[in-house]
Amino acid sequence: MVNVSNHSGVNSSALSTPSSHSSSSEDKTLQVKHVHQSGDLQGSPAVPTMEKVDPAIRSQQDKATAQLAQKQSMEARALLRQPNVIAKKQLTEASKSIQALINNLSDEGKAHFFARAMRGVLKEVGTEKGLAGIDRLAHHSGQSTADDHNLVISLCGDLGALISDNLGPESDPAPAAKEIIDKTNQQFPMMQSALEKSKQIAGSQKIGPSKKQEREGVKDGQPRVGIHNTGKATDLKAGKSGLGFGHRDHLSPVYPMKAMINKNRVDATQEPLVGHISGSLNEIVTTMLVLNGGNMSQDIARTEDQMARIALANGFLIGNGLHSAVETLEASLNLSSSDVFKQGQERNEDFFLEIRKGFSQAKDMAVIAHAGAATNLISESIRHYTAAPVSQI
């Protein structure tokens, strides 16, 4: 799903259990939280337990992982603040469509529409200022703020998640949710079919088939800023720390749930993990595509506009510390056929291995694009759509 809780790594799907590999920086023993898998009965001898840890611990204990986390945070937050002309156009068009949809909703529908964002990007901002931000981006985009950009991307994901979660004939959404779905389908008739198609190629069940087995969501309540909270340090380095709300470069923190991940995976993965392999990017990208008048096709996958939407979705998920590059990479690749990614894969060819020792049963991108490859690929694509690229860490 794509609501803020789910961006944090608490949406649907899963992964298998590998063992550590030989890199010395990746063999560190992490502090462990021992939890039962969801649905297990305490003390049941038939159901094994799985050791799970906060993946942010890896950045505290491994300098290489910390540097990758910082690089991702810096690039993603720069895009949220300064999208280039192509990316800004995507945001502006999406904000106009979102505004039109909101204006057609009842008060109950509007409250439900913003409910997820109120647990995330609007928690410190509020609906009234959020509405002002949507209007500013729609009609005075030269004055838009980083929070405006962040909110519109978030709402695209929230809308996409709501519809994706209710695609089946057995779905029975609450009246306010049904109103949003019906009004969206009336105004954007291609939305449901586009989300169905994109879910098949880039949804969580496709790219992270064992995630539920390896992740446990726990309530946190703490603000999050960037991957493993490295956004605070990267903002300081970029000269963007200490900004108050209302400043165009201020980015309000989010308050997601925390994902505890299988210790073996965290031990063995130098790339930062946050919420496990994610299909959330697919919901953001496809919803923005349809809101902006497009539909899923091979032609769309090759366009600059599609690559800009993918970059914006990554900017949101990574910049807010909800998912990391290795968790969004496969969805990004599956939704595009761009030279930006093709050239990046060629430059990182040594890191893309079909099978690594001890991981032959693990079917996800954290096994294949390891040791900086995912960070490099996603950072390059984000930088391509940033008006003023930041320097490398």
Protein backbone atom coordinates (compact mmCIF):
# COMPACT_ATOMS: atom_id res chain seq x y z
CA MET A 1 0.00 0.00 0.00
CA VAL A 2 0.99 3.59 -0.37
CA ASN A 3 -0.29 5.36 2.71
CA VAL A 4 2.33 6.79 5.02
CA SER A 5 2.24 3.80 7.36
CA ASN A 6 2.70 1.54 4.37
CA HIS A 7 5.43 3.64 2.82
CA SER A 8 7.29 2.98 6.02
CA GLY A 9 7.44 -0.70 5.20
CA VAL A 10 4.09 -1.85 6.53
CA ASN A 11 2.23 -2.60 3.30
CA SER A 12 1.59 -6.03 1.80
CA SER A 13 3.97 -8.79 0.56
CA ALA A 14 7.26 -10.63 1.50
CA LEU A 15 10.74 -12.47 1.15
CA SER A 16 12.86 -15.56 2.07
CA THR A 17 15.62 -16.11 4.62
CA PRO A 18 19.24 -15.98 3.40
CA SER A 19 22.52 -16.29 5.22
CA SER A 20 25.31 -13.72 5.61
CA HIS A 21 27.92 -13.39 2.87
CA SER A 22 31.62 -12.83 3.18
CA SER A 23 32.15 -9.05 2.97
CA SER A 24 33.67 -7.93 6.25
CA SER A 25 31.61 -4.74 6.40
CA GLU A 26 28.45 -6.80 5.93
CA ASP A 27 29.09 -9.49 8.57
CA LYS A 28 28.52 -7.34 11.63
CA THR A 29 26.32 -8.81 14.33
CA LEU A 30 23.35 -6.59 15.05
CA GLN A 31 21.30 -6.12 18.18
CA VAL A 32 18.25 -8.32 17.97
CA LYS A 33 14.60 -7.89 18.79
CA HIS A 34 13.02 -11.35 19.05
CA VAL A 35 9.44 -11.32 17.75
CA HIS A 36 6.87 -13.80 16.52
CA GLN A 37 5.63 -13.64 12.98
CA SER A 38 2.21 -12.09 12.54
CA GLY A 39 -0.50 -14.54 13.47
CA ASP A 40 1.79 -16.91 15.40
CA LEU A 41 0.57 -18.22 18.74
CA GLN A 42 3.00 -17.61 21.60
CA GLY A 43 4.84 -20.81 22.51
CA SER A 44 3.55 -22.87 19.60
CA PRO A 45 6.27 -25.50 18.82
CA ALA A 46 4.95 -25.92 15.26
CA VAL A 47 5.66 -22.30 14.22
CA PRO A 48 9.28 -21.09 14.31
CA THR A 49 10.16 -17.61 15.44
CA MET A 50 12.32 -15.25 13.42
CA GLU A 51 14.85 -12.80 14.81
CA LYS A 52 14.08 -9.29 13.55
CA VAL A 53 15.94 -6.03 14.01
CA ASP A 54 15.52 -2.36 13.30
CA PRO A 55 17.40 -2.06 9.97
CA ALA A 56 18.63 1.42 10.94
CA ILE A 57 21.01 -0.28 13.38
CA ARG A 58 23.08 -1.28 10.37
CA SER A 59 23.94 2.39 9.65
CA GLN A 60 25.03 2.81 13.26
CA GLN A 61 27.41 -0.15 13.02
CA ASP A 62 28.58 -0.08 9.40
CA LYS A 63 30.13 3.06 7.90
CA ALA A 64 29.55 1.85 4.33
CA THR A 65 25.81 1.45 4.89
CA ALA A 66 25.64 4.83 6.64
CA GLN A 67 27.32 6.52 3.67
CA LEU A 68 24.87 4.92 1.24
CA ALA A 69 21.95 6.04 3.42
CA GLN A 70 23.28 9.61 3.49
CA LYS A 71 23.77 9.68 -0.27
CA GLN A 72 20.21 8.50 -0.87
CA SER A 73 18.75 11.01 1.59
CA MET A 74 20.67 13.95 0.16
CA GLU A 75 19.75 13.25 -3.46
CA ALA A 76 16.09 12.51 -2.72
CA ARG A 77 15.52 15.56 -0.51
CA ALA A 78 17.19 17.80 -3.10
CA LEU A 79 14.67 16.60 -5.70
CA LEU A 80 11.72 17.28 -3.39
CA ARG A 81 13.02 20.83 -2.97
CA GLN A 82 14.13 21.55 -6.52
CA PRO A 83 12.48 19.40 -9.21
CA ASN A 84 13.53 20.34 -12.73
CA VAL A 85 11.12 21.61 -15.38
CA ILE A 86 9.99 18.13 -16.46
CA ALA A 87 9.39 16.90 -12.91
CA LYS A 88 7.74 20.16 -11.85
CA LYS A 89 5.28 19.87 -14.73
CA GLN A 90 4.26 16.40 -13.51
CA LEU A 91 3.63 17.78 -10.03
CA THR A 92 1.68 20.77 -11.31
CA GLU A 93 -0.59 18.68 -13.52
CA ALA A 94 -1.19 16.15 -10.74
CA SER A 95 -2.06 18.89 -8.25
CA LYS A 96 -4.70 20.28 -10.62
CA SER A 97 -6.32 16.86 -10.98
CA ILE A 98 -6.18 16.23 -7.23
CA GLN A 99 -7.75 19.62 -6.57
CA ALA A 100 -10.57 18.88 -9.03
CA LEU A 101 -11.19 15.52 -7.38
CA ILE A 102 -11.25 17.01 -3.87
CA ASN A 103 -13.74 19.67 -4.98
CA ASN A 104 -16.17 16.93 -6.02
CA LEU A 105 -16.05 15.09 -2.69
CA SER A 106 -18.41 15.42 0.25
CA ASP A 107 -17.02 16.58 3.59
CA GLU A 108 -16.77 12.94 4.66
CA GLY A 109 -14.98 12.06 1.46
CA LYS A 110 -12.52 14.92 1.88
CA ALA A 111 -11.78 13.88 5.46
CA HIS A 112 -11.12 10.30 4.33
CA PHE A 113 -9.01 11.49 1.40
CA PHE A 114 -6.66 13.33 3.74
CA ALA A 115 -6.77 10.80 6.60
CA ARG A 116 -3.62 8.95 5.58
CA ALA A 117 -1.68 12.14 4.89
CA MET A 118 -2.70 13.44 8.33
CA ARG A 119 -0.69 10.56 9.77
CA GLY A 120 2.27 11.55 7.65
CA VAL A 121 3.22 14.63 5.65
CA LEU A 122 0.27 16.67 7.00
CA LYS A 123 0.74 15.71 10.66
CA GLU A 124 2.63 18.92 11.44
CA VAL A 125 0.99 20.98 8.71
CA GLY A 126 -2.76 20.32 8.83
CA THR A 127 -5.38 20.01 6.10
CA GLU A 128 -6.00 23.74 5.63
CA LYS A 129 -2.36 24.46 4.86
CA GLY A 130 -2.22 21.31 2.76
CA LEU A 131 -5.11 22.56 0.60
CA ALA A 132 -3.35 25.90 0.23
CA GLY A 133 -0.22 24.05 -0.88
CA ILE A 134 -2.10 22.03 -3.51
CA ASP A 135 -3.63 25.25 -4.88
CA ARG A 136 -0.25 26.99 -4.89
CA LEU A 137 1.36 24.16 -6.85
CA ALA A 138 -1.61 23.99 -9.26
CA HIS A 139 -1.87 27.69 -10.07
CA HIS A 140 1.30 29.41 -8.84
CA SER A 141 3.90 26.69 -9.26
CA GLY A 142 6.77 29.16 -9.22
CA GLN A 143 5.97 29.77 -5.56
CA SER A 144 5.49 26.14 -4.55
CA THR A 145 7.36 24.70 -1.57
CA ALA A 146 9.05 21.40 -0.84
CA ASP A 147 6.15 20.49 1.43
CA ASP A 148 3.73 21.15 -1.45
CA HIS A 149 5.67 18.75 -3.67
CA ASN A 150 5.89 16.17 -0.89
CA LEU A 151 2.15 16.33 -0.23
CA VAL A 152 1.04 15.92 -3.84
CA ILE A 153 3.29 12.88 -4.32
CA SER A 154 1.97 11.41 -1.07
CA LEU A 155 -1.65 11.94 -2.10
CA CYS A 156 -1.00 10.23 -5.45
CA GLY A 157 0.24 7.23 -3.51
CA ASP A 158 -2.62 7.30 -1.03
CA LEU A 159 -5.18 7.40 -3.84
CA GLY A 160 -3.42 4.62 -5.72
CA ALA A 161 -3.27 2.46 -2.61
CA LEU A 162 -6.96 2.98 -1.85
CA ILE A 163 -7.99 1.88 -5.34
CA SER A 164 -5.46 -0.97 -5.54
CA ASP A 165 -6.68 -2.35 -2.22
CA ASN A 166 -10.23 -2.47 -3.55
CA LEU A 167 -9.72 -3.90 -7.03
CA GLY A 168 -11.33 -7.27 -6.31
CA PRO A 169 -15.07 -7.94 -6.57
CA GLU A 170 -15.10 -9.01 -2.91
CA SER A 171 -13.93 -5.58 -1.71
CA ASP A 172 -16.33 -3.69 0.53
CA PRO A 173 -14.92 -0.20 1.21
CA ALA A 174 -16.41 2.18 3.73
CA PRO A 175 -18.87 4.72 2.27
CA ALA A 176 -16.36 7.59 2.28
CA ALA A 177 -13.71 5.39 0.62
CA LYS A 178 -16.24 4.18 -1.96
CA GLU A 179 -17.12 7.77 -2.77
CA ILE A 180 -13.46 8.56 -3.50
CA ILE A 181 -13.08 5.46 -5.66
CA ASP A 182 -16.27 6.14 -7.60
CA LYS A 183 -15.50 9.82 -8.18
CA THR A 184 -11.96 8.95 -9.27
CA ASN A 185 -13.21 6.37 -11.76
CA GLN A 186 -15.75 8.86 -13.11
CA GLN A 187 -13.15 11.60 -13.64
CA PHE A 188 -10.30 9.27 -14.63
CA PRO A 189 -11.83 6.17 -16.30
CA MET A 190 -8.45 4.56 -16.99
CA MET A 191 -7.30 4.64 -13.36
CA GLN A 192 -8.47 1.19 -12.27
CA SER A 193 -7.19 -0.68 -15.32
CA ALA A 194 -3.84 1.14 -15.18
CA LEU A 195 -3.37 0.24 -11.51
CA GLU A 196 -4.35 -3.38 -12.20
CA LYS A 197 -1.74 -3.59 -14.94
CA SER A 198 1.04 -1.87 -13.01
CA LYS A 199 0.36 -4.00 -9.94
CA GLN A 200 1.01 -7.13 -12.02
CA ILE A 201 4.47 -5.93 -13.07
CA ALA A 202 5.61 -3.81 -10.12
CA GLY A 203 3.41 -4.61 -7.13
CA SER A 204 4.78 -5.98 -3.86
CA GLN A 205 3.65 -9.55 -4.52
CA LYS A 206 5.54 -9.51 -7.81
CA ILE A 207 8.84 -8.04 -6.61
CA GLY A 208 8.90 -9.06 -2.93
CA PRO A 209 7.10 -12.40 -2.72
CA SER A 210 8.23 -13.33 0.82
CA LYS A 211 8.09 -9.94 2.54
CA LYS A 212 5.40 -10.80 5.05
CA GLN A 213 7.55 -13.57 6.46
CA GLU A 214 10.50 -11.25 7.07
CA ARG A 215 8.95 -8.06 8.35
CA GLU A 216 7.02 -6.98 11.43
CA GLY A 217 5.45 -3.55 11.80
CA VAL A 218 5.71 -1.90 15.20
CA LYS A 219 4.36 1.44 16.39
CA ASP A 220 7.06 4.07 16.65
CA GLY A 221 5.60 7.57 16.90
CA GLN A 222 8.95 9.19 16.22
CA PRO A 223 9.54 11.69 13.40
CA ARG A 224 11.54 10.35 10.49
CA VAL A 225 13.78 12.39 8.20
CA GLY A 226 15.48 10.50 5.39
CA ILE A 227 16.93 6.98 5.26
CA HIS A 228 17.82 5.86 8.81
CA ASN A 229 17.15 9.49 9.84
CA THR A 230 20.24 10.66 7.96
CA GLY A 231 18.18 13.48 6.42
CA LYS A 232 19.02 15.71 9.36
CA ALA A 233 22.75 15.45 8.67
CA THR A 234 22.37 15.80 4.92
CA ASP A 235 20.12 18.86 5.34
CA LEU A 236 22.81 20.39 7.49
CA LYS A 237 25.43 19.66 4.85
CA ALA A 238 23.20 21.14 2.13
CA GLY A 239 22.55 24.27 4.20
CA LYS A 240 18.88 23.38 4.68
CA SER A 241 18.79 22.62 8.40
CA GLY A 242 16.82 24.65 10.91
CA LEU A 243 14.24 25.85 8.38
CA GLY A 244 10.80 26.65 9.79
CA PHE A 245 7.47 25.69 8.27
CA GLY A 246 6.56 28.02 5.43
CA HIS A 247 10.09 28.30 4.11
CA ARG A 248 9.99 26.90 0.59
CA ASP A 249 12.82 24.42 1.31
CA HIS A 250 11.38 23.13 4.61
CA LEU A 251 10.37 19.46 4.58
CA SER A 252 8.03 18.42 7.38
CA PRO A 253 8.95 15.06 8.99
CA VAL A 254 6.71 12.02 8.70
CA TYR A 255 5.63 9.64 11.46
CA PRO A 256 5.48 6.12 10.00
CA MET A 257 5.42 2.77 11.70
CA LYS A 258 8.78 1.05 12.08
CA ALA A 259 9.51 -2.14 10.16
CA MET A 260 11.54 -4.78 11.98
CA ILE A 261 13.29 -6.97 9.38
CA ASN A 262 14.78 -10.46 9.44
CA LYS A 263 18.19 -10.12 11.07
CA ASN A 264 19.83 -12.40 8.50
CA ARG A 265 18.76 -10.08 5.68
CA VAL A 266 19.99 -6.97 7.49
CA ASP A 267 23.29 -8.65 8.38
CA ALA A 268 23.84 -9.68 4.77
CA THR A 269 22.75 -6.52 2.93
CA GLN A 270 25.11 -3.57 2.77
CA GLU A 271 22.52 -1.47 0.95
CA PRO A 272 20.27 0.26 3.51
CA LEU A 273 17.01 -1.54 4.25
CA VAL A 274 14.05 0.35 5.74
CA GLY A 275 10.71 -1.32 5.10
CA HIS A 276 11.57 -4.25 2.81
CA ILE A 277 10.99 -4.60 -0.94
CA SER A 278 8.18 -2.26 -1.93
CA GLY A 279 5.48 -1.87 -4.55
CA SER A 280 4.52 1.53 -3.19
CA LEU A 281 6.39 3.29 -5.98
CA ASN A 282 4.12 1.62 -8.51
CA GLU A 283 1.01 3.15 -6.93
CA ILE A 284 2.49 6.65 -6.87
CA VAL A 285 3.82 6.54 -10.43
CA THR A 286 0.73 5.00 -12.03
CA THR A 287 -1.73 7.26 -10.22
CA MET A 288 0.24 10.35 -11.23
CA LEU A 289 0.40 9.04 -14.80
CA VAL A 290 -3.40 8.74 -15.06
CA LEU A 291 -4.08 11.99 -13.20
CA ASN A 292 -1.89 13.66 -15.81
CA GLY A 293 -3.86 12.18 -18.72
CA GLY A 294 -1.78 9.10 -19.53
CA ASN A 295 -2.22 5.35 -19.44
CA MET A 296 0.03 2.31 -19.06
CA SER A 297 1.84 1.43 -22.31
CA GLN A 298 5.28 0.55 -23.65
CA ASP A 299 5.45 3.98 -25.26
CA ILE A 300 4.83 5.66 -21.89
CA ALA A 301 7.58 3.59 -20.26
CA ARG A 302 10.16 5.13 -22.59
CA THR A 303 9.26 8.78 -21.98
CA GLU A 304 11.03 11.46 -19.96
CA ASP A 305 7.72 12.13 -18.19
CA GLN A 306 7.58 8.55 -16.90
CA MET A 307 11.17 8.71 -15.71
CA ALA A 308 10.38 11.99 -13.94
CA ARG A 309 7.40 10.35 -12.20
CA ILE A 310 9.61 7.47 -11.09
CA ALA A 311 12.22 9.92 -9.80
CA LEU A 312 9.58 11.87 -7.88
CA ALA A 313 8.20 8.70 -6.30
CA ASN A 314 11.70 7.69 -5.26
CA GLY A 315 12.32 11.20 -3.98
CA PHE A 316 9.27 10.93 -1.75
CA LEU A 317 9.83 7.38 -0.46
CA ILE A 318 13.57 7.81 0.09
CA GLY A 319 13.59 11.46 1.10
CA ASN A 320 11.11 10.74 3.88
CA GLY A 321 12.88 7.56 4.98
CA LEU A 322 9.97 5.28 4.07
CA HIS A 323 11.73 2.96 1.64
CA SER A 324 15.31 2.74 0.38
CA ALA A 325 16.77 2.51 -3.12
CA VAL A 326 17.23 -1.25 -3.06
CA GLU A 327 13.58 -1.61 -2.00
CA THR A 328 12.22 0.52 -4.87
CA LEU A 329 14.69 -0.38 -7.62
CA GLU A 330 12.86 -3.29 -9.20
CA ALA A 331 9.56 -1.39 -9.39
CA SER A 332 11.48 1.52 -10.95
CA LEU A 333 13.04 -0.75 -13.57
CA ASN A 334 9.78 -2.57 -14.34
CA LEU A 335 7.90 0.67 -14.94
CA SER A 336 10.49 2.12 -17.31
CA SER A 337 12.65 1.30 -20.30
CA SER A 338 14.92 4.29 -20.08
CA ASP A 339 18.55 4.75 -21.05
CA VAL A 340 19.09 6.37 -17.63
CA PHE A 341 18.68 2.97 -15.96
CA LYS A 342 20.23 0.94 -18.79
CA GLN A 343 23.42 2.98 -18.73
CA GLY A 344 23.47 2.86 -14.94
CA GLN A 345 23.22 -0.93 -14.96
CA GLU A 346 26.14 -1.11 -17.38
CA ARG A 347 28.26 1.06 -15.05
CA ASN A 348 27.33 -1.16 -12.10
CA GLU A 349 27.46 -4.47 -13.98
CA ASP A 350 29.73 -6.20 -11.46
CA PHE A 351 27.15 -5.68 -8.72
CA PHE A 352 24.25 -7.24 -10.60
CA LEU A 353 24.51 -10.97 -9.94
CA GLU A 354 21.70 -13.40 -10.63
CA ILE A 355 22.76 -15.64 -7.75
CA ARG A 356 25.06 -14.93 -4.82
CA LYS A 357 26.41 -17.65 -2.56
CA GLY A 358 23.86 -18.52 0.09
CA PHE A 359 21.08 -16.52 -1.58
CA SER A 360 19.87 -18.74 -4.40
CA GLN A 361 16.40 -18.96 -2.86
CA ALA A 362 15.99 -15.22 -2.26
CA LYS A 363 14.08 -13.64 -5.11
CA ASP A 364 14.42 -9.90 -4.63
CA MET A 365 16.54 -6.96 -5.69
CA ALA A 366 18.40 -6.71 -2.37
CA VAL A 367 20.24 -9.85 -3.42
CA ILE A 368 21.01 -8.72 -6.96
CA ALA A 369 21.78 -4.98 -6.77
CA HIS A 370 23.99 -4.97 -3.71
CA ALA A 371 26.98 -3.05 -2.28
CA GLY A 372 26.02 0.36 -3.63
CA ALA A 373 24.56 -0.62 -7.00
CA ALA A 374 20.96 0.26 -6.08
CA THR A 375 22.03 3.51 -4.43
CA ASN A 376 24.00 4.52 -7.52
CA LEU A 377 21.20 3.71 -9.96
CA ILE A 378 18.41 5.45 -8.09
CA SER A 379 20.58 8.43 -7.14
CA GLU A 380 21.56 8.95 -10.77
CA SER A 381 17.95 8.91 -11.92
CA ILE A 382 16.87 11.29 -9.14
CA ARG A 383 19.72 13.68 -9.94
CA HIS A 384 18.69 13.70 -13.60
CA TYR A 385 15.38 15.38 -12.61
CA THR A 386 16.74 17.75 -9.97
CA ALA A 387 17.14 21.40 -10.98
CA ALA A 388 20.26 21.96 -8.90
CA PRO A 389 21.97 18.60 -8.29
CA VAL A 390 23.76 18.24 -4.99
CA SER A 391 27.38 17.19 -4.76
CA GLN A 392 28.25 13.55 -4.06
CA ILE A 393 28.84 12.38 -0.52
